[in-house]
Amino acid sequence: MPRIGARTLSEHNARTWDALGRAFDLLLATRAFDEITFGEIAAEAGIARNTIYNYAPDKVALLLAVTTRASEELQAAVHAVSDQPDMSASRKLHDVIGLLLSSFARDAHRAFVLYQYASKRSDRSNPVTLPLVQIQERIAQVLSEGMEAGEFRADLAPATDVVLLSGLVEAGVQMVVHDPSQINSAIDRTSALVLAAVTR
């Protein structure tokens, strides 16, 4: 069983959350969520079963917490790209799509994918989907910037078109989930299709 070592409590907690995310990834790669036990998650993460209760009371709550953490980290990365003052809207859109697809290719995100598609509520009252809603809002802002700069079509409706464009991104995500080796191809193809839809 791997051990989690850290110099500070904050670092220990961060490493533990990362280990729990990886544990979900490894277990969900071969088994259905309902078949996985809390003890197996703890063992895979390298922590004692009684310790895991400090992080969540059950595996559903733990999945929620791991998923929320992953989505918040992704949101911060998307904001960092979209806030670049000297970057064109087209480049921002391309890089954001790359971030979204790459996040699912790395470890600790299979649980994020699972919960994203399992969740039926995609509004601001849901702690998991709130960052996803905010990511959509940020992409809509990039679309507006592109329209103002003359990069994108003037007849776009960013607030609603971003929902339609999300379908293309989700298709790219599915490609990556099924075959992570296709990540570069998925990013290039998805970006090309999205940009073709919004440019003049």
Protein backbone atom coordinates (compact mmCIF):
# COMPACT_ATOMS: atom_id res chain seq x y z
CA MET A 1 0.00 0.00 0.00
CA PRO A 2 1.52 3.40 -0.97
CA ARG A 3 1.98 5.93 1.80
CA ILE A 4 1.17 9.62 1.60
CA GLY A 5 3.98 11.79 2.94
CA ALA A 6 3.85 15.57 3.28
CA ARG A 7 5.53 18.35 5.25
CA THR A 8 2.38 20.31 6.11
CA LEU A 9 -1.26 19.48 6.80
CA SER A 10 -2.33 21.44 3.74
CA GLU A 11 0.10 19.53 1.53
CA HIS A 12 -1.03 16.25 3.10
CA ASN A 13 -4.69 17.01 2.38
CA ALA A 14 -3.91 17.99 -1.22
CA ARG A 15 -1.94 14.79 -1.78
CA THR A 16 -4.69 12.73 -0.18
CA TRP A 17 -7.33 14.23 -2.48
CA ASP A 18 -5.09 13.53 -5.47
CA ALA A 19 -4.64 9.94 -4.28
CA LEU A 20 -8.39 9.52 -3.85
CA GLY A 21 -8.94 10.83 -7.37
CA ARG A 22 -6.41 8.40 -8.79
CA ALA A 23 -8.00 5.58 -6.79
CA PHE A 24 -11.35 6.32 -8.41
CA ASP A 25 -9.69 6.44 -11.83
CA LEU A 26 -8.03 3.05 -11.41
CA LEU A 27 -11.08 1.33 -9.95
CA LEU A 28 -13.57 2.85 -12.40
CA ALA A 29 -11.37 1.80 -15.30
CA THR A 30 -12.32 -1.82 -14.73
CA ARG A 31 -15.42 -1.86 -12.53
CA ALA A 32 -18.82 -0.24 -12.22
CA PHE A 33 -19.20 2.41 -9.52
CA ASP A 34 -21.79 0.35 -7.62
CA GLU A 35 -19.34 -2.56 -7.33
CA ILE A 36 -16.59 -0.50 -5.71
CA THR A 37 -16.39 -0.51 -1.90
CA PHE A 38 -15.24 2.28 0.37
CA GLY A 39 -12.51 0.01 1.70
CA GLU A 40 -11.17 -0.63 -1.80
CA ILE A 41 -10.99 3.10 -2.48
CA ALA A 42 -9.05 3.64 0.75
CA ALA A 43 -6.67 0.77 -0.01
CA GLU A 44 -6.01 1.99 -3.57
CA ALA A 45 -5.39 5.52 -2.27
CA GLY A 46 -2.96 4.25 0.36
CA ILE A 47 -4.89 5.44 3.41
CA ALA A 48 -6.56 3.64 6.30
CA ARG A 49 -10.26 2.90 5.94
CA ASN A 50 -11.10 4.83 9.12
CA THR A 51 -9.13 7.84 7.82
CA ILE A 52 -11.19 8.08 4.64
CA TYR A 53 -14.21 9.03 6.74
CA ASN A 54 -12.45 12.31 7.51
CA TYR A 55 -12.96 13.20 3.85
CA ALA A 56 -16.47 11.87 3.18
CA PRO A 57 -19.11 9.74 4.95
CA ASP A 58 -19.67 7.39 1.99
CA LYS A 59 -18.45 6.72 -1.54
CA VAL A 60 -21.17 8.82 -3.20
CA ALA A 61 -20.21 11.85 -1.12
CA LEU A 62 -16.56 11.11 -1.85
CA LEU A 63 -17.22 10.98 -5.58
CA LEU A 64 -19.04 14.30 -5.30
CA ALA A 65 -16.09 15.85 -3.44
CA VAL A 66 -13.47 14.50 -5.86
CA THR A 67 -15.55 15.65 -8.81
CA THR A 68 -16.12 19.12 -7.38
CA ARG A 69 -12.39 19.54 -6.72
CA ALA A 70 -11.52 18.51 -10.28
CA SER A 71 -14.11 20.80 -11.84
CA GLU A 72 -12.97 23.78 -9.77
CA GLU A 73 -9.35 23.23 -10.83
CA LEU A 74 -10.44 23.03 -14.46
CA GLN A 75 -12.46 26.22 -14.09
CA ALA A 76 -9.42 28.08 -12.72
CA ALA A 77 -7.30 26.90 -15.66
CA VAL A 78 -9.93 28.02 -18.18
CA HIS A 79 -10.17 31.44 -16.54
CA ALA A 80 -6.40 31.83 -16.67
CA VAL A 81 -6.44 31.28 -20.45
CA SER A 82 -9.48 33.44 -21.17
CA ASP A 83 -8.06 36.33 -19.12
CA GLN A 84 -4.96 36.66 -21.33
CA PRO A 85 -5.14 40.28 -22.57
CA ASP A 86 -2.95 39.90 -25.66
CA MET A 87 -4.40 36.64 -26.97
CA SER A 88 -6.88 36.54 -29.85
CA ALA A 89 -10.35 35.16 -29.22
CA SER A 90 -9.67 32.36 -31.70
CA ARG A 91 -6.54 31.32 -29.83
CA LYS A 92 -8.34 31.49 -26.50
CA LEU A 93 -11.10 29.26 -27.82
CA HIS A 94 -8.57 26.77 -29.20
CA ASP A 95 -6.61 26.68 -25.94
CA VAL A 96 -9.72 26.33 -23.77
CA ILE A 97 -10.87 23.38 -25.87
CA GLY A 98 -7.41 21.87 -25.42
CA LEU A 99 -7.68 22.31 -21.66
CA LEU A 100 -11.12 20.72 -21.51
CA LEU A 101 -10.12 17.67 -23.50
CA SER A 102 -6.70 17.30 -21.89
CA SER A 103 -8.21 17.36 -18.41
CA PHE A 104 -10.09 14.17 -19.21
CA ALA A 105 -7.00 12.47 -20.60
CA ARG A 106 -5.06 12.86 -17.36
CA ASP A 107 -5.57 10.72 -14.30
CA ALA A 108 -8.00 11.75 -11.56
CA HIS A 109 -10.65 12.84 -14.07
CA ARG A 110 -12.51 9.65 -14.90
CA ALA A 111 -14.70 10.31 -11.86
CA PHE A 112 -15.31 13.82 -13.19
CA VAL A 113 -16.50 12.39 -16.49
CA LEU A 114 -18.69 9.83 -14.74
CA TYR A 115 -20.40 12.37 -12.56
CA GLN A 116 -20.74 14.95 -15.32
CA TYR A 117 -22.78 12.58 -17.45
CA ALA A 118 -24.65 11.08 -14.51
CA SER A 119 -25.75 14.47 -13.17
CA LYS A 120 -29.13 15.67 -14.38
CA ARG A 121 -28.93 19.15 -12.91
CA SER A 122 -26.63 21.58 -14.69
CA ASP A 123 -27.45 24.77 -12.82
CA ARG A 124 -25.95 27.01 -10.16
CA SER A 125 -27.56 25.04 -7.31
CA ASN A 126 -25.40 21.99 -8.07
CA PRO A 127 -21.90 22.17 -6.52
CA VAL A 128 -20.47 19.88 -9.20
CA THR A 129 -21.92 21.51 -12.28
CA LEU A 130 -21.56 25.11 -11.04
CA PRO A 131 -17.92 25.33 -12.27
CA LEU A 132 -19.04 23.80 -15.58
CA VAL A 133 -21.75 26.44 -15.92
CA GLN A 134 -19.17 29.12 -15.16
CA ILE A 135 -16.83 27.65 -17.77
CA GLN A 136 -19.64 27.91 -20.34
CA GLU A 137 -20.19 31.53 -19.31
CA ARG A 138 -16.50 32.25 -19.78
CA ILE A 139 -16.53 30.66 -23.25
CA ALA A 140 -19.57 32.79 -24.11
CA GLN A 141 -17.52 35.82 -23.07
CA VAL A 142 -14.73 34.75 -25.44
CA LEU A 143 -17.30 34.46 -28.24
CA SER A 144 -18.46 38.02 -27.50
CA GLU A 145 -14.86 39.26 -27.58
CA GLY A 146 -14.36 37.58 -30.94
CA MET A 147 -17.49 39.23 -32.33
CA GLU A 148 -16.36 42.66 -31.16
CA ALA A 149 -12.91 42.14 -32.68
CA GLY A 150 -14.36 41.00 -36.00
CA GLU A 151 -12.86 37.51 -35.65
CA PHE A 152 -16.20 35.76 -35.27
CA ARG A 153 -19.51 36.03 -37.07
CA ALA A 154 -21.65 38.99 -36.10
CA ASP A 155 -24.84 36.92 -35.93
CA LEU A 156 -23.70 34.71 -33.04
CA ALA A 157 -25.79 34.52 -29.87
CA PRO A 158 -23.03 33.65 -27.36
CA ALA A 159 -25.26 32.74 -24.41
CA THR A 160 -27.16 30.11 -26.40
CA ASP A 161 -24.60 29.16 -29.05
CA VAL A 162 -22.14 28.07 -26.36
CA VAL A 163 -24.59 25.32 -25.41
CA LEU A 164 -24.63 24.03 -28.99
CA LEU A 165 -20.85 24.22 -29.23
CA SER A 166 -20.61 22.24 -26.00
CA GLY A 167 -22.03 19.29 -27.90
CA LEU A 168 -18.96 19.29 -30.15
CA VAL A 169 -16.66 19.49 -27.14
CA GLU A 170 -18.49 16.63 -25.41
CA ALA A 171 -18.03 14.51 -28.53
CA GLY A 172 -14.31 15.26 -28.38
CA VAL A 173 -14.30 14.29 -24.70
CA GLN A 174 -15.90 10.96 -25.56
CA MET A 175 -13.10 10.31 -28.06
CA VAL A 176 -10.49 10.95 -25.38
CA VAL A 177 -12.26 8.87 -22.73
CA HIS A 178 -12.50 5.88 -25.08
CA ASP A 179 -8.96 6.26 -26.42
CA PRO A 180 -6.63 8.66 -24.55
CA SER A 181 -3.98 8.21 -27.27
CA GLN A 182 -6.25 10.24 -29.58
CA ILE A 183 -5.95 13.36 -27.42
CA ASN A 184 -4.00 15.48 -29.93
CA SER A 185 -6.21 14.48 -32.82
CA ALA A 186 -9.34 15.12 -30.76
CA ILE A 187 -8.15 18.60 -29.75
CA ASP A 188 -7.22 19.58 -33.31
CA ARG A 189 -10.42 18.23 -34.84
CA THR A 190 -12.73 19.63 -32.17
CA SER A 191 -11.07 23.05 -32.31
CA ALA A 192 -11.29 23.12 -36.10
CA LEU A 193 -15.01 22.30 -36.06
CA VAL A 194 -15.81 24.85 -33.35
CA LEU A 195 -13.83 27.62 -35.04
CA ALA A 196 -15.41 26.79 -38.40
CA ALA A 197 -18.82 27.23 -36.78
CA VAL A 198 -18.10 30.67 -35.32
CA THR A 199 -15.84 32.33 -37.88
CA ARG A 200 -16.93 34.30 -40.92
